[in-house]
Amino acid sequence: MSDTALAAESASQSPLAHEVKRRRTFAIISHPDAGKTTLTEKLLLFGGAINLAGQVKAKGERRSTRSDWMKIERDRGISVVTSVMTFEFNDLVFNLLDTPGHEDFSEDTYRTLTAVDSAVMVIDAAKGIEDRTRKLFEVCRLRDIPIVTFINKMDRESRDPFDLMDEIEKTLALDTTPMTWPVGRGRDFLGTYDIATGGVRLLEGGGAKTGEAEQIAIADLASRNPNLDAAAVSEELELVSEACKPFDLESFREGHLTPVFFGSALRNFGVGDLLEGLGRYAPAPRAQDSAARKVEAAEPKMSAFVFKIQANMDPNHRDRIAFARLCSGKLTRGMKAKLVRTGKNMTLSAPQFFFAQDRAIADEAFAGDVVGIPNHGTLRIGDTLTEGEDIQFVGVPSFAPEILRRVRLGDAMKAKKLKEALQQMSEEGVVQVFRPRDGSPAMVGVVGQLQLDVLKARLEAEYALPVDFEISEFQLARWFSADDRKTFDTFVNANGSGIAEDVDGDLVYLAKNEFYLGYTRERSPGITFTNVKDVKKAGKGE
């Protein structure tokens, strides 16, 4: 559809539908060190959300604008929490959800991907598809999330572009369509060729800006770099036009094809093309599944679900923010919303938009937007907010931990404070907490060791609770359910010391190892064990 046709269609829509259509909510997925944080910074620079390149990694007073704001992130140079950043570009509103790159925080990333309509996959031009990228892509595929690919670091030594696209197609079973093509590589990288227009955007001389690429003959580029093999570039472009699939919007939206952009985030090159491509091709807010029905984004009544809780973003105020993705309608500051889990109404008196750690009051927000809702423990991950309808959005997962540890507290007088802190941390999704029904000390469950390090650091910094961890006799935790209450209760009574409650009050079976889990499964007909729980589906056998 042409820009003129889109404008005409927008003019004929209701104000709500028009605002919804302007939204693009996306995440960036990549393997660590592929350049995700740098690309995030440059996207924000294009969107005018920051004025100085380098602010995302800046020191001192500018640090408040960066997406990695937790102290342990600054110390280790990694992202371990999800940040939300909202900015405008070309009359579109972009909601960028910056996900943790470290695999130990995969659970947080998976939940974040439930809140987006598209994703940018960043690939290191020298390394190609890496393990973390593959795992995150599979999550996107399960949710039919369309993927835009950005092959980064073309100004360094890199693999052949055809090899990279072939690897994407074979490894991810995803068709590729190059939207731009690199002219030279490594030290001889001059810029990119726009497949659609035939123009060339040069790395030097304003190439970072958006707009029409220059119409320069490839042969003439050799005069700018004597090392450039113009004939080889021309052959590549001819092969692209003959062998590569043309871009198909429907195939992209269905998750079968990815448009590919080449560039260098560090040099701020190719980022404008990527952002324009996101605006042009990425879907506006899509319909969301609830347990009862599919909810369309342009429906007049507001609905939203909570996919993340973050406490103590501002330690001075001990605040607690629920990140909610609006699924339909319009949110207005001061409106009342029904918390479906409890059936009670709550007033949204100070909803907030975020730019990393910075925030601003959101007087209004529309489907596709992500808002922060300050609360004092009222909201949990997976909660649904509506204007009265009893619906529950589905698909916000909780995963069985891979490491179980008991928490050792030096000062027994602070046991109550520790219990409250762990409760808050578990509701926030930092760790899972399992409280054995036999009264023995609580255990924490995490995906990886780094999560334990973060828990230890935050307990000490935010709650003045220095702790250590002890090996538990249990290695595995599994939620379980039964078709009838009697079978469920019989199992619970027969496994007293191995039964615990999670933060929602759902029961889990604690096993010493895989052998014991398998043995118990064989001896417990009618009991179903699972390592993934939709946070809205209680497993109490009721």
Protein backbone atom coordinates (compact mmCIF):
# COMPACT_ATOMS: atom_id res chain seq x y z
CA MET A 1 0.00 0.00 0.00
CA SER A 2 1.38 3.44 -0.95
CA ASP A 3 2.02 6.21 1.60
CA THR A 4 -0.82 8.22 0.01
CA ALA A 5 -3.23 5.32 0.36
CA LEU A 6 -2.15 4.81 3.97
CA ALA A 7 -2.74 8.48 4.71
CA ALA A 8 -6.19 8.32 3.12
CA GLU A 9 -7.05 5.21 5.13
CA SER A 10 -5.88 6.84 8.36
CA ALA A 11 -8.00 9.91 7.67
CA SER A 12 -11.11 7.75 7.38
CA GLN A 13 -10.48 5.95 10.67
CA SER A 14 -11.71 6.84 14.14
CA PRO A 15 -9.24 8.76 16.32
CA LEU A 16 -8.68 5.62 18.41
CA ALA A 17 -8.02 3.40 15.39
CA HIS A 18 -5.67 6.04 13.96
CA GLU A 19 -3.64 6.20 17.18
CA VAL A 20 -3.46 2.42 17.43
CA LYS A 21 -2.26 2.17 13.83
CA ARG A 22 0.62 4.55 14.65
CA ARG A 23 2.08 2.17 17.24
CA ARG A 24 5.00 -0.17 16.66
CA THR A 25 5.92 -2.25 19.71
CA PHE A 26 9.06 -4.32 19.28
CA ALA A 27 11.96 -5.99 21.06
CA ILE A 28 15.58 -6.50 20.09
CA ILE A 29 16.90 -10.07 20.31
CA SER A 30 20.52 -11.09 19.93
CA HIS A 31 23.40 -13.06 21.33
CA PRO A 32 25.49 -11.12 23.88
CA ASP A 33 28.03 -8.79 22.25
CA ALA A 34 26.25 -8.68 18.88
CA GLY A 35 25.72 -4.94 19.40
CA LYS A 36 22.20 -4.78 20.85
CA THR A 37 22.88 -2.01 23.38
CA THR A 38 24.67 0.11 20.76
CA LEU A 39 21.82 -0.38 18.28
CA THR A 40 19.30 0.57 20.99
CA GLU A 41 21.19 3.79 21.60
CA LYS A 42 21.29 4.69 17.91
CA LEU A 43 17.58 3.97 17.42
CA LEU A 44 16.85 6.33 20.29
CA LEU A 45 19.16 8.89 18.72
CA PHE A 46 17.21 8.72 15.47
CA GLY A 47 13.96 9.01 17.38
CA GLY A 48 15.17 12.13 19.18
CA ALA A 49 14.88 10.43 22.56
CA ILE A 50 18.52 11.26 23.28
CA ASN A 51 20.57 14.11 21.91
CA LEU A 52 24.07 12.80 22.49
CA ALA A 53 25.41 9.56 21.10
CA GLY A 54 26.92 7.64 23.98
CA GLN A 55 24.28 8.45 26.58
CA VAL A 56 23.16 4.85 26.89
CA LYS A 57 26.65 4.06 28.18
CA ALA A 58 27.40 7.46 29.64
CA LYS A 59 28.95 8.24 32.99
CA GLY A 60 27.93 10.60 35.73
CA GLU A 61 24.81 12.71 35.40
CA ARG A 62 23.87 11.28 31.98
CA ARG A 63 23.69 7.75 33.37
CA SER A 64 20.00 8.14 34.19
CA THR A 65 19.14 7.91 30.49
CA ARG A 66 20.78 4.58 29.83
CA SER A 67 18.85 1.35 29.46
CA ASP A 68 21.19 -0.67 31.72
CA TRP A 69 20.64 1.11 35.03
CA MET A 70 21.13 -1.48 37.78
CA LYS A 71 24.48 -1.34 39.59
CA ILE A 72 25.37 -4.95 38.82
CA GLU A 73 24.76 -4.17 35.14
CA ARG A 74 27.15 -1.22 35.28
CA ASP A 75 29.76 -3.33 37.06
CA ARG A 76 29.57 -6.23 34.61
CA GLY A 77 28.60 -4.41 31.40
CA ILE A 78 25.54 -6.57 30.77
CA SER A 79 21.78 -6.15 30.63
CA VAL A 80 19.91 -8.18 33.24
CA VAL A 81 16.53 -6.44 33.38
CA THR A 82 14.10 -5.32 30.73
CA SER A 83 13.90 -1.61 29.99
CA VAL A 84 11.09 0.11 28.13
CA MET A 85 11.71 3.10 25.90
CA THR A 86 9.10 5.10 23.99
CA PHE A 87 9.96 7.53 21.18
CA GLU A 88 8.45 8.98 18.00
CA PHE A 89 9.80 8.86 14.46
CA ASN A 90 8.11 9.72 11.15
CA ASP A 91 4.77 10.27 12.91
CA LEU A 92 4.88 6.78 14.43
CA VAL A 93 5.15 5.86 18.11
CA PHE A 94 7.78 3.21 18.80
CA ASN A 95 7.78 1.22 22.02
CA LEU A 96 11.16 -0.49 22.30
CA LEU A 97 11.47 -3.25 24.88
CA ASP A 98 15.15 -3.84 25.52
CA THR A 99 15.56 -7.42 26.74
CA PRO A 100 18.34 -8.94 28.85
CA GLY A 101 21.07 -10.44 26.76
CA HIS A 102 22.33 -12.91 29.35
CA GLU A 103 20.82 -16.39 29.14
CA ASP A 104 20.35 -16.59 32.91
CA PHE A 105 17.55 -14.06 32.49
CA SER A 106 15.74 -15.94 29.75
CA GLU A 107 12.51 -16.04 31.74
CA ASP A 108 12.32 -12.25 31.85
CA THR A 109 13.04 -12.13 28.12
CA TYR A 110 10.38 -14.72 27.27
CA ARG A 111 7.74 -12.78 29.19
CA THR A 112 8.79 -9.57 27.45
CA LEU A 113 8.31 -11.21 24.06
CA THR A 114 4.64 -11.79 24.97
CA ALA A 115 4.24 -8.01 24.94
CA VAL A 116 5.63 -7.18 21.47
CA ASP A 117 4.25 -7.30 17.93
CA SER A 118 7.59 -7.64 16.14
CA ALA A 119 11.30 -8.07 16.85
CA VAL A 120 14.66 -6.98 15.48
CA MET A 121 17.21 -9.80 15.31
CA VAL A 122 20.76 -8.48 15.55
CA ILE A 123 23.47 -10.69 14.06
CA ASP A 124 27.22 -10.17 14.30
CA ALA A 125 28.50 -10.20 10.69
CA ALA A 126 31.58 -12.18 11.70
CA LYS A 127 29.82 -14.79 13.86
CA GLY A 128 26.42 -15.36 12.25
CA ILE A 129 23.67 -17.19 14.14
CA GLU A 130 24.69 -17.93 17.73
CA ASP A 131 23.03 -20.06 20.42
CA ARG A 132 21.21 -17.30 22.26
CA THR A 133 19.89 -15.86 19.01
CA ARG A 134 18.56 -19.26 17.98
CA LYS A 135 16.74 -19.80 21.30
CA LEU A 136 15.13 -16.36 21.27
CA PHE A 137 14.10 -16.80 17.66
CA GLU A 138 12.29 -20.03 18.56
CA VAL A 139 10.29 -18.14 21.19
CA CYS A 140 9.34 -15.57 18.56
CA ARG A 141 8.34 -18.36 16.18
CA LEU A 142 6.06 -19.93 18.79
CA ARG A 143 4.24 -16.60 19.00
CA ASP A 144 4.34 -15.89 15.23
CA ILE A 145 6.28 -12.68 15.86
CA PRO A 146 7.62 -11.18 12.59
CA ILE A 147 11.39 -10.67 12.56
CA VAL A 148 13.42 -7.88 10.95
CA THR A 149 17.12 -8.77 10.67
CA PHE A 150 19.99 -6.33 11.15
CA ILE A 151 23.42 -7.72 10.27
CA ASN A 152 25.76 -5.59 12.35
CA LYS A 153 29.48 -4.75 12.34
CA MET A 154 29.91 -4.72 8.55
CA ASP A 155 32.79 -2.27 9.03
CA ARG A 156 34.80 -5.07 10.65
CA GLU A 157 36.01 -8.37 9.28
CA SER A 158 32.89 -10.28 8.34
CA ARG A 159 31.59 -13.36 6.62
CA ASP A 160 30.22 -13.37 3.09
CA PRO A 161 26.69 -11.83 3.08
CA PHE A 162 25.32 -14.71 1.01
CA ASP A 163 26.71 -17.18 3.56
CA LEU A 164 25.04 -15.24 6.37
CA MET A 165 21.66 -15.22 4.64
CA ASP A 166 22.02 -18.89 3.76
CA GLU A 167 22.73 -19.65 7.43
CA ILE A 168 19.59 -17.76 8.48
CA GLU A 169 17.52 -19.74 6.01
CA LYS A 170 18.97 -23.14 6.93
CA THR A 171 19.35 -22.67 10.68
CA LEU A 172 16.09 -20.84 11.36
CA ALA A 173 14.02 -22.12 8.42
CA LEU A 174 13.27 -18.49 7.58
CA ASP A 175 13.25 -17.00 4.09
CA THR A 176 15.39 -13.89 3.63
CA THR A 177 15.02 -10.81 1.46
CA PRO A 178 17.88 -8.28 1.50
CA MET A 179 16.55 -4.71 1.63
CA THR A 180 20.05 -3.23 1.49
CA TRP A 181 23.34 -4.76 0.36
CA PRO A 182 26.85 -4.01 1.64
CA VAL A 183 29.25 -2.27 -0.72
CA GLY A 184 32.61 -3.62 0.42
CA ARG A 185 33.33 -5.20 3.80
CA GLY A 186 35.62 -4.68 6.78
CA ARG A 187 38.06 -1.83 6.27
CA ASP A 188 36.78 -1.43 2.72
CA PHE A 189 33.12 -1.09 3.74
CA LEU A 190 31.88 1.99 1.86
CA GLY A 191 28.15 1.82 2.52
CA THR A 192 25.01 0.07 1.36
CA TYR A 193 23.06 -0.29 -1.85
CA ASP A 194 19.29 0.18 -1.58
CA ILE A 195 17.75 -2.77 -3.41
CA ALA A 196 14.41 -1.00 -4.05
CA THR A 197 15.70 2.36 -5.31
CA GLY A 198 19.12 1.44 -6.70
CA GLY A 199 20.67 4.23 -4.66
CA VAL A 200 23.86 4.05 -2.59
CA ARG A 201 24.15 5.36 0.94
CA LEU A 202 27.77 6.07 1.83
CA LEU A 203 29.33 5.46 5.22
CA GLU A 204 31.12 8.79 5.02
CA GLY A 205 29.32 11.95 4.03
CA GLY A 206 25.91 11.85 5.65
CA GLY A 207 25.16 8.18 5.17
CA ALA A 208 23.87 7.92 8.71
CA LYS A 209 20.92 10.13 7.90
CA THR A 210 17.66 8.91 6.48
CA GLY A 211 16.30 10.02 3.14
CA GLU A 212 16.99 9.14 -0.46
CA ALA A 213 20.23 7.35 -1.19
CA GLU A 214 22.55 8.86 -3.79
CA GLN A 215 22.37 7.56 -7.36
CA ILE A 216 25.99 6.58 -7.85
CA ALA A 217 27.23 3.98 -10.30
CA ILE A 218 29.03 1.12 -8.57
CA ALA A 219 31.96 1.52 -10.96
CA ASP A 220 32.37 5.14 -9.83
CA LEU A 221 32.72 4.05 -6.19
CA ALA A 222 36.12 2.51 -6.94
CA SER A 223 37.52 6.03 -7.12
CA ARG A 224 36.61 6.49 -3.45
CA ASN A 225 38.38 3.32 -2.37
CA PRO A 226 40.95 1.71 -4.64
CA ASN A 227 40.59 -1.58 -2.71
CA LEU A 228 36.92 -1.92 -3.71
CA ASP A 229 36.31 -4.62 -6.30
CA ALA A 230 33.50 -2.86 -8.19
CA ALA A 231 33.06 -5.78 -10.58
CA ALA A 232 32.56 -8.21 -7.68
CA VAL A 233 29.99 -5.89 -6.07
CA SER A 234 28.12 -5.61 -9.37
CA GLU A 235 28.09 -9.40 -9.69
CA GLU A 236 26.72 -9.73 -6.14
CA LEU A 237 23.93 -7.26 -6.87
CA GLU A 238 23.05 -9.11 -10.06
CA LEU A 239 22.89 -12.37 -8.10
CA VAL A 240 20.70 -10.69 -5.44
CA SER A 241 18.20 -9.59 -8.07
CA GLU A 242 18.11 -13.04 -9.69
CA ALA A 243 18.34 -15.43 -6.72
CA CYS A 244 16.82 -13.68 -3.69
CA LYS A 245 13.12 -13.77 -2.99
CA PRO A 246 11.28 -10.46 -3.44
CA PHE A 247 9.90 -9.00 -0.23
CA ASP A 248 6.40 -10.25 0.58
CA LEU A 249 4.61 -8.34 3.35
CA GLU A 250 2.14 -11.11 4.12
CA SER A 251 4.88 -13.72 4.41
CA PHE A 252 6.82 -11.39 6.72
CA ARG A 253 3.79 -10.68 8.93
CA GLU A 254 3.15 -14.44 9.22
CA GLY A 255 6.72 -15.02 10.41
CA HIS A 256 7.96 -16.90 7.33
CA LEU A 257 10.27 -14.25 5.84
CA THR A 258 12.66 -11.69 7.24
CA PRO A 259 13.81 -8.47 5.53
CA VAL A 260 17.58 -8.07 6.00
CA PHE A 261 19.41 -4.79 6.56
CA PHE A 262 23.19 -4.39 6.72
CA GLY A 263 25.09 -1.77 8.68
CA SER A 264 27.22 -0.76 11.63
CA ALA A 265 25.43 0.36 14.78
CA LEU A 266 28.66 1.70 16.24
CA ARG A 267 29.12 3.96 13.22
CA ASN A 268 25.37 4.80 13.24
CA PHE A 269 25.12 3.40 9.75
CA GLY A 270 22.14 1.51 8.39
CA VAL A 271 20.12 2.29 11.53
CA GLY A 272 17.92 4.79 9.75
CA ASP A 273 17.09 2.24 7.05
CA LEU A 274 16.22 -0.28 9.77
CA LEU A 275 13.97 2.15 11.62
CA GLU A 276 12.19 3.20 8.44
CA GLY A 277 11.74 -0.48 7.56
CA LEU A 278 10.22 -1.17 10.97
CA GLY A 279 7.80 1.70 10.51
CA ARG A 280 6.84 0.61 7.01
CA TYR A 281 6.57 -3.17 7.45
CA ALA A 282 6.22 -4.10 11.13
CA PRO A 283 2.60 -4.66 12.19
CA ALA A 284 0.58 -2.25 14.26
CA PRO A 285 -0.75 -3.73 17.53
CA ARG A 286 -2.15 -7.17 16.88
CA ALA A 287 -5.15 -8.93 18.42
CA GLN A 288 -4.37 -10.67 21.72
CA ASP A 289 -5.66 -14.04 22.90
CA SER A 290 -7.63 -14.24 26.13
CA ALA A 291 -9.11 -17.33 27.73
CA ALA A 292 -12.56 -16.29 26.51
CA ARG A 293 -11.98 -14.61 23.15
CA LYS A 294 -9.58 -12.73 20.89
CA VAL A 295 -9.30 -9.04 21.81
CA GLU A 296 -8.86 -6.61 18.92
CA ALA A 297 -6.57 -3.62 19.44
CA ALA A 298 -9.07 -1.04 18.15
CA GLU A 299 -11.87 -2.10 20.51
CA PRO A 300 -13.11 0.97 22.42
CA LYS A 301 -12.65 -0.39 25.96
CA MET A 302 -9.23 -0.54 27.56
CA SER A 303 -7.61 -3.85 28.42
CA ALA A 304 -4.02 -4.65 29.39
CA PHE A 305 -1.84 -7.33 30.92
CA VAL A 306 1.16 -7.08 33.24
CA PHE A 307 4.29 -8.77 31.90
CA LYS A 308 6.90 -7.40 34.29
CA ILE A 309 7.23 -6.00 37.80
CA GLN A 310 10.19 -3.85 38.76
CA ALA A 311 10.78 -2.69 42.32
CA ASN A 312 13.13 -0.01 43.56
CA MET A 313 13.91 1.60 40.21
CA ASP A 314 14.25 4.70 42.37
CA PRO A 315 15.74 3.49 45.70
CA ASN A 316 14.94 6.83 47.32
CA HIS A 317 11.22 6.16 46.95
CA ARG A 318 11.15 2.34 47.29
CA ASP A 319 8.78 2.32 44.35
CA ARG A 320 7.20 -0.67 42.61
CA ILE A 321 6.20 -0.45 38.96
CA ALA A 322 4.08 -2.90 36.98
CA PHE A 323 4.83 -2.80 33.25
CA ALA A 324 1.56 -3.31 31.37
CA ARG A 325 1.02 -3.81 27.66
CA LEU A 326 -2.21 -2.17 26.48
CA CYS A 327 -4.10 -4.67 24.33
CA SER A 328 -7.12 -2.59 23.37
CA GLY A 329 -8.70 0.82 23.70
CA LYS A 330 -7.37 3.88 25.44
CA LEU A 331 -5.98 4.38 28.93
CA THR A 332 -6.62 7.76 30.51
CA ARG A 333 -4.90 9.03 33.62
CA GLY A 334 -7.24 8.76 36.61
CA MET A 335 -9.51 6.12 35.09
CA LYS A 336 -10.68 3.11 37.10
CA ALA A 337 -9.69 -0.36 35.91
CA LYS A 338 -10.80 -3.77 37.10
CA LEU A 339 -8.10 -6.14 38.31
CA VAL A 340 -9.69 -9.35 37.07
CA ARG A 341 -7.77 -11.65 39.43
CA THR A 342 -9.33 -10.03 42.51
CA GLY A 343 -12.47 -8.54 40.96
CA LYS A 344 -11.63 -5.19 42.56
CA ASN A 345 -11.24 -1.80 40.89
CA MET A 346 -8.09 0.28 41.09
CA THR A 347 -7.53 3.88 40.05
CA LEU A 348 -4.76 4.45 37.50
CA SER A 349 -3.79 7.76 39.03
CA ALA A 350 -0.21 8.02 37.75
CA PRO A 351 0.48 5.80 34.72
CA GLN A 352 3.93 6.45 33.31
CA PHE A 353 5.84 6.30 30.08
CA PHE A 354 9.48 5.29 30.29
CA PHE A 355 12.73 6.14 28.70
CA ALA A 356 14.96 3.63 30.48
CA GLN A 357 15.14 4.96 34.06
CA ASP A 358 13.58 8.31 33.20
CA ARG A 359 9.81 8.53 33.29
CA ALA A 360 6.96 10.91 32.54
CA ILE A 361 3.28 10.86 33.48
CA ALA A 362 1.13 9.33 30.74
CA ASP A 363 -2.08 11.34 30.47
CA GLU A 364 -3.26 8.91 27.83
CA ALA A 365 -1.99 5.76 26.16
CA PHE A 366 -3.32 3.50 23.42
CA ALA A 367 -3.28 -0.16 22.49
CA GLY A 368 0.30 -1.18 21.77
CA ASP A 369 1.77 1.20 24.33
CA VAL A 370 3.61 -0.02 27.40
CA VAL A 371 2.93 1.94 30.58
CA GLY A 372 4.26 1.69 34.10
CA ILE A 373 1.67 1.49 36.86
CA PRO A 374 2.94 2.36 40.36
CA ASN A 375 1.45 0.06 42.99
CA HIS A 376 2.19 -1.39 46.41
CA GLY A 377 2.10 -5.10 45.64
CA THR A 378 -1.41 -5.07 44.18
CA LEU A 379 -0.35 -6.15 40.69
CA ARG A 380 1.44 -9.35 39.74
CA ILE A 381 2.96 -10.71 36.56
CA GLY A 382 0.18 -11.99 34.31
CA ASP A 383 -2.57 -9.83 35.80
CA THR A 384 -5.27 -8.53 33.44
CA LEU A 385 -6.77 -5.04 33.73
CA THR A 386 -10.05 -4.17 31.97
CA GLU A 387 -12.87 -1.65 32.01
CA GLY A 388 -15.11 -4.26 33.59
CA GLU A 389 -15.00 -7.35 31.38
CA ASP A 390 -13.96 -10.64 33.01
CA ILE A 391 -11.28 -11.78 30.60
CA GLN A 392 -7.83 -13.18 31.26
CA PHE A 393 -5.02 -12.77 28.76
CA VAL A 394 -3.08 -15.98 28.30
CA GLY A 395 0.44 -16.95 27.41
CA VAL A 396 2.54 -15.18 30.08
CA PRO A 397 4.74 -18.10 31.19
CA SER A 398 6.57 -19.06 34.34
CA PHE A 399 9.37 -21.61 33.95
CA ALA A 400 10.67 -24.24 36.35
CA PRO A 401 14.03 -23.17 37.80
CA GLU A 402 17.24 -25.00 37.01
CA ILE A 403 18.93 -24.20 40.33
CA LEU A 404 17.37 -24.47 43.81
CA ARG A 405 19.07 -22.96 46.87
CA ARG A 406 18.21 -22.27 50.48
CA VAL A 407 18.87 -18.73 51.69
CA ARG A 408 21.13 -18.37 54.75
CA LEU A 409 20.59 -15.21 56.77
CA GLY A 410 23.28 -14.14 59.20
CA ASP A 411 20.94 -12.24 61.52
CA ALA A 412 17.95 -14.38 62.53
CA MET A 413 16.19 -11.27 63.86
CA LYS A 414 15.70 -10.16 60.24
CA ALA A 415 13.85 -13.31 59.15
CA LYS A 416 10.53 -11.47 58.74
CA LYS A 417 12.19 -8.76 56.65
CA LEU A 418 13.81 -11.44 54.47
CA LYS A 419 10.46 -13.14 53.96
CA GLU A 420 8.92 -9.86 52.78
CA ALA A 421 11.89 -9.09 50.52
CA LEU A 422 11.79 -12.53 48.89
CA GLN A 423 8.04 -12.19 48.38
CA GLN A 424 8.58 -8.89 46.56
CA MET A 425 11.46 -10.31 44.52
CA SER A 426 9.40 -13.32 43.47
CA GLU A 427 6.40 -11.20 42.49
CA GLU A 428 8.83 -9.09 40.50
CA GLY A 429 10.11 -12.19 38.69
CA VAL A 430 13.73 -11.86 39.84
CA VAL A 431 13.60 -15.32 41.41
CA GLN A 432 11.02 -17.91 42.29
CA VAL A 433 10.36 -18.66 45.94
CA PHE A 434 9.10 -22.03 47.13
CA ARG A 435 7.86 -22.42 50.68
CA PRO A 436 7.76 -26.09 51.80
CA ARG A 437 4.49 -27.03 53.46
CA ASP A 438 6.33 -28.87 56.25
CA GLY A 439 7.59 -25.54 57.61
CA SER A 440 11.24 -25.89 56.59
CA PRO A 441 13.05 -22.76 55.32
CA ALA A 442 12.06 -21.31 51.96
CA MET A 443 14.04 -22.04 48.82
CA VAL A 444 14.77 -19.77 45.86
CA GLY A 445 14.79 -21.04 42.32
CA VAL A 446 16.68 -19.46 39.40
CA VAL A 447 17.61 -20.29 35.82
CA GLY A 448 21.31 -19.50 36.23
CA GLN A 449 24.02 -18.47 38.68
CA LEU A 450 23.94 -14.82 37.65
CA GLN A 451 20.38 -14.53 38.98
CA LEU A 452 21.66 -15.59 42.41
CA ASP A 453 24.35 -12.91 42.19
CA VAL A 454 21.71 -10.30 41.34
CA LEU A 455 19.46 -11.47 44.18
CA LYS A 456 22.34 -11.29 46.67
CA ALA A 457 23.38 -7.82 45.45
CA ARG A 458 19.85 -6.41 45.55
CA LEU A 459 18.98 -7.88 48.96
CA GLU A 460 22.04 -6.17 50.39
CA ALA A 461 21.73 -2.86 48.52
CA GLU A 462 17.95 -2.37 48.73
CA TYR A 463 16.99 -4.19 51.93
CA ALA A 464 20.24 -4.19 53.96
CA LEU A 465 20.06 -8.00 54.09
CA PRO A 466 23.43 -9.71 53.51
CA VAL A 467 22.73 -13.35 52.65
CA ASP A 468 24.46 -16.47 51.39
CA PHE A 469 23.10 -19.56 49.68
CA GLU A 470 23.24 -23.21 50.65
CA ILE A 471 22.90 -26.29 48.47
CA SER A 472 19.41 -27.78 48.76
CA GLU A 473 18.62 -31.49 48.90
CA PHE A 474 16.21 -30.79 46.05
CA GLN A 475 17.32 -30.10 42.47
CA LEU A 476 14.02 -29.90 40.58
CA ALA A 477 10.66 -28.21 40.97
CA ARG A 478 7.60 -29.13 38.92
CA TRP A 479 4.05 -27.85 39.00
CA PHE A 480 1.47 -30.61 39.04
CA SER A 481 -2.24 -31.07 38.53
CA ALA A 482 -4.86 -33.81 38.50
CA ASP A 483 -8.20 -34.39 36.85
CA ASP A 484 -9.96 -34.73 40.21
CA ARG A 485 -9.49 -33.33 43.68
CA LYS A 486 -9.17 -36.68 45.44
CA THR A 487 -6.22 -37.79 43.30
CA PHE A 488 -4.61 -34.39 43.82
CA ASP A 489 -5.03 -34.45 47.63
CA THR A 490 -3.80 -38.05 47.87
CA PHE A 491 -0.61 -37.12 46.05
CA VAL A 492 -0.05 -34.06 48.26
CA ASN A 493 -0.52 -36.07 51.47
CA ALA A 494 1.81 -38.84 50.27
CA ASN A 495 4.67 -36.43 49.45
CA GLY A 496 4.55 -34.03 52.40
CA SER A 497 8.22 -33.03 52.65
CA GLY A 498 8.46 -32.62 48.88
CA ILE A 499 5.49 -30.29 48.45
CA ALA A 500 5.89 -26.50 48.43
CA GLU A 501 3.89 -23.43 47.46
CA ASP A 502 5.00 -20.86 44.90
CA VAL A 503 4.27 -17.13 45.11
CA ASP A 504 0.74 -17.64 43.73
CA GLY A 505 -0.08 -20.38 46.21
CA ASP A 506 0.10 -23.07 43.51
CA LEU A 507 1.70 -26.31 44.64
CA VAL A 508 4.97 -27.69 43.28
CA TYR A 509 6.63 -31.05 43.71
CA LEU A 510 10.29 -30.87 44.75
CA ALA A 511 12.45 -33.74 43.50
CA LYS A 512 15.99 -34.68 44.50
CA ASN A 513 16.94 -35.40 40.89
CA GLU A 514 15.59 -36.60 37.55
CA PHE A 515 15.54 -40.22 38.72
CA TYR A 516 13.27 -39.40 41.68
CA LEU A 517 11.02 -37.32 39.45
CA GLY A 518 10.65 -40.17 36.98
CA TYR A 519 10.05 -42.66 39.81
CA THR A 520 7.35 -40.45 41.31
CA ARG A 521 5.71 -39.92 37.92
CA GLU A 522 5.49 -43.69 37.35
CA ARG A 523 3.94 -44.26 40.78
CA SER A 524 1.42 -41.39 40.50
CA PRO A 525 -1.18 -42.19 37.84
CA GLY A 526 -3.54 -39.29 37.22
CA ILE A 527 -0.92 -36.66 38.15
CA THR A 528 0.47 -34.42 35.40
CA PHE A 529 3.81 -32.66 35.94
CA THR A 530 4.89 -29.58 33.99
CA ASN A 531 7.94 -27.31 33.91
CA VAL A 532 6.07 -24.35 32.38
CA LYS A 533 3.12 -22.62 34.01
CA ASP A 534 0.91 -19.98 32.47
CA VAL A 535 0.74 -17.60 35.43
CA LYS A 536 -3.01 -17.39 35.09
CA LYS A 537 -3.69 -21.09 35.11
CA ALA A 538 -3.55 -22.42 38.65
CA GLY A 539 -2.46 -26.03 38.94
CA LYS A 540 -4.35 -26.98 42.06
CA GLY A 541 -6.31 -29.83 40.60
CA GLU A 542 -9.57 -28.01 40.96
